[in-house]
């Protein structure tokens, strides 16, 4: 299971959805994969990347 239902600690009428250890592992792997896919290669050559970094810094 990636998530589990737990009782709310204050409101006994409510329940909370929490990640299990397996769910946290999936989130970690997905975050690494997303960052590699989206942020490591943004399609700019080195000069353009440096110029962009200078503009937004």
N, C-alpha and C. Protein backbone atom coordinates (compact mmCIF):
# COMPACT_ATOMS: atom_id res chain seq x y z
N UNK A 1 0.83 -1.18 0.00
CA UNK A 1 0.00 0.00 0.00
C UNK A 1 0.87 1.24 0.00
N UNK A 2 0.43 2.23 -0.75
CA UNK A 2 1.18 3.48 -0.83
C UNK A 2 0.67 4.52 0.17
N UNK A 3 -0.57 4.35 0.61
CA UNK A 3 -1.17 5.29 1.55
C UNK A 3 -2.03 4.52 2.54
N UNK A 4 -2.26 5.14 3.68
CA UNK A 4 -3.09 4.52 4.71
C UNK A 4 -4.02 5.58 5.29
N UNK A 5 -5.14 5.12 5.75
CA UNK A 5 -6.11 6.00 6.39
C UNK A 5 -5.89 5.93 7.90
N UNK A 6 -5.76 7.11 8.51
CA UNK A 6 -5.56 7.18 9.96
C UNK A 6 -6.58 8.14 10.55
N UNK A 7 -6.97 7.91 11.79
CA UNK A 7 -7.90 8.85 12.42
C UNK A 7 -7.23 10.21 12.64
N UNK A 8 -8.02 11.25 12.52
CA UNK A 8 -7.51 12.59 12.79
C UNK A 8 -7.19 12.69 14.28
N UNK A 9 -6.05 13.29 14.65
CA UNK A 9 -5.66 13.30 16.06
C UNK A 9 -6.55 14.17 16.95
N UNK A 10 -7.29 15.12 16.38
CA UNK A 10 -8.11 16.03 17.18
C UNK A 10 -9.60 15.84 16.89
N UNK A 11 -9.93 15.73 15.61
CA UNK A 11 -11.33 15.63 15.20
C UNK A 11 -11.66 14.16 14.95
N UNK A 12 -12.32 13.55 15.89
CA UNK A 12 -12.66 12.14 15.79
C UNK A 12 -13.58 11.79 14.64
N UNK A 13 -14.23 12.79 14.05
CA UNK A 13 -15.12 12.54 12.91
C UNK A 13 -14.35 12.41 11.61
N UNK A 14 -13.12 12.89 11.59
CA UNK A 14 -12.36 12.96 10.35
C UNK A 14 -11.30 11.87 10.29
N UNK A 15 -10.84 11.63 9.09
CA UNK A 15 -9.73 10.71 8.86
C UNK A 15 -8.70 11.42 7.99
N UNK A 16 -7.47 10.97 8.08
CA UNK A 16 -6.39 11.55 7.28
C UNK A 16 -5.81 10.46 6.39
N UNK A 17 -5.38 10.86 5.22
CA UNK A 17 -4.68 9.97 4.33
C UNK A 17 -3.19 10.26 4.48
N UNK A 18 -2.41 9.25 4.82
CA UNK A 18 -0.98 9.45 5.04
C UNK A 18 -0.19 8.48 4.16
N UNK A 19 0.98 8.91 3.74
CA UNK A 19 1.83 8.05 2.94
C UNK A 19 2.48 6.99 3.83
N UNK A 20 2.57 5.79 3.30
CA UNK A 20 3.32 4.73 3.96
C UNK A 20 4.79 4.88 3.56
N UNK A 21 5.65 4.06 4.13
CA UNK A 21 7.06 4.08 3.72
C UNK A 21 7.18 3.78 2.23
N UNK A 22 6.38 2.84 1.74
CA UNK A 22 6.40 2.51 0.30
C UNK A 22 5.94 3.71 -0.52
N UNK A 23 4.94 4.43 -0.04
CA UNK A 23 4.47 5.63 -0.73
C UNK A 23 5.53 6.71 -0.77
N UNK A 24 6.25 6.88 0.33
CA UNK A 24 7.33 7.86 0.35
C UNK A 24 8.43 7.49 -0.63
N UNK A 25 8.72 6.20 -0.74
CA UNK A 25 9.73 5.74 -1.71
C UNK A 25 9.30 6.07 -3.14
N UNK A 26 8.03 5.85 -3.46
CA UNK A 26 7.53 6.17 -4.80
C UNK A 26 7.63 7.67 -5.06
N UNK A 27 7.25 8.48 -4.09
CA UNK A 27 7.34 9.93 -4.25
C UNK A 27 8.78 10.36 -4.47
N UNK A 28 9.70 9.79 -3.71
CA UNK A 28 11.12 10.14 -3.85
C UNK A 28 11.62 9.78 -5.25
N UNK A 29 11.32 8.58 -5.72
CA UNK A 29 11.77 8.16 -7.05
C UNK A 29 11.13 9.02 -8.14
N UNK A 30 9.86 9.33 -7.98
CA UNK A 30 9.16 10.16 -8.98
C UNK A 30 9.74 11.57 -9.01
N UNK A 31 10.09 12.11 -7.85
CA UNK A 31 10.67 13.44 -7.78
C UNK A 31 12.03 13.48 -8.48
N UNK A 32 12.85 12.47 -8.23
CA UNK A 32 14.16 12.40 -8.88
C UNK A 32 13.99 12.29 -10.39
N UNK A 33 13.08 11.43 -10.83
CA UNK A 33 12.84 11.25 -12.27
C UNK A 33 12.31 12.52 -12.91
N UNK A 34 11.38 13.18 -12.25
CA UNK A 34 10.82 14.43 -12.78
C UNK A 34 11.89 15.50 -12.88
N UNK A 35 12.69 15.65 -11.84
CA UNK A 35 13.75 16.65 -11.88
C UNK A 35 14.73 16.36 -13.00
N UNK A 36 15.08 15.10 -13.20
CA UNK A 36 16.00 14.73 -14.27
C UNK A 36 15.39 15.02 -15.63
N UNK A 37 14.13 14.73 -15.79
CA UNK A 37 13.45 14.91 -17.08
C UNK A 37 13.22 16.38 -17.41
N UNK A 38 12.80 17.15 -16.43
CA UNK A 38 12.36 18.51 -16.69
C UNK A 38 13.46 19.55 -16.48
N UNK A 39 14.24 19.39 -15.43
CA UNK A 39 15.13 20.47 -15.04
C UNK A 39 16.59 20.28 -15.44
N UNK A 40 17.02 19.06 -15.70
CA UNK A 40 18.43 18.85 -16.03
C UNK A 40 18.74 19.23 -17.47
N UNK A 41 17.78 19.12 -18.37
CA UNK A 41 18.02 19.47 -19.76
C UNK A 41 16.87 20.34 -20.24
N UNK A 42 17.05 21.64 -20.14
CA UNK A 42 15.97 22.56 -20.50
C UNK A 42 16.05 23.01 -21.95
N UNK A 43 17.00 22.44 -22.70
CA UNK A 43 17.09 22.74 -24.12
C UNK A 43 17.88 23.98 -24.46
N UNK A 44 18.70 24.46 -23.53
CA UNK A 44 19.53 25.63 -23.79
C UNK A 44 20.99 25.21 -23.86
N UNK A 45 21.75 25.86 -24.76
CA UNK A 45 23.18 25.59 -24.74
C UNK A 45 23.79 26.33 -23.55
N UNK A 46 25.06 26.07 -23.26
CA UNK A 46 25.70 26.62 -22.06
C UNK A 46 25.63 28.15 -22.02
N UNK A 47 25.87 28.80 -23.15
CA UNK A 47 25.85 30.27 -23.19
C UNK A 47 24.47 30.82 -22.87
N UNK A 48 23.44 30.22 -23.47
CA UNK A 48 22.08 30.68 -23.21
C UNK A 48 21.68 30.41 -21.76
N UNK A 49 22.10 29.27 -21.22
CA UNK A 49 21.78 28.95 -19.83
C UNK A 49 22.44 29.95 -18.89
N UNK A 50 23.69 30.31 -19.16
CA UNK A 50 24.38 31.29 -18.32
C UNK A 50 23.71 32.66 -18.42
N UNK A 51 23.30 33.04 -19.63
CA UNK A 51 22.62 34.33 -19.81
C UNK A 51 21.30 34.35 -19.04
N UNK A 52 20.54 33.27 -19.15
CA UNK A 52 19.28 33.19 -18.43
C UNK A 52 19.50 33.25 -16.92
N UNK A 53 20.50 32.53 -16.43
CA UNK A 53 20.81 32.55 -15.00
C UNK A 53 21.17 33.96 -14.56
N UNK A 54 21.90 34.69 -15.39
CA UNK A 54 22.25 36.07 -15.05
C UNK A 54 21.04 36.98 -15.02
N UNK A 55 20.10 36.74 -15.89
CA UNK A 55 18.89 37.57 -15.94
C UNK A 55 18.02 37.36 -14.71
N UNK A 56 17.88 36.11 -14.30
CA UNK A 56 16.95 35.82 -13.20
C UNK A 56 17.60 35.87 -11.83
N UNK A 57 18.93 36.01 -11.78
CA UNK A 57 19.62 36.04 -10.49
C UNK A 57 19.46 37.38 -9.80
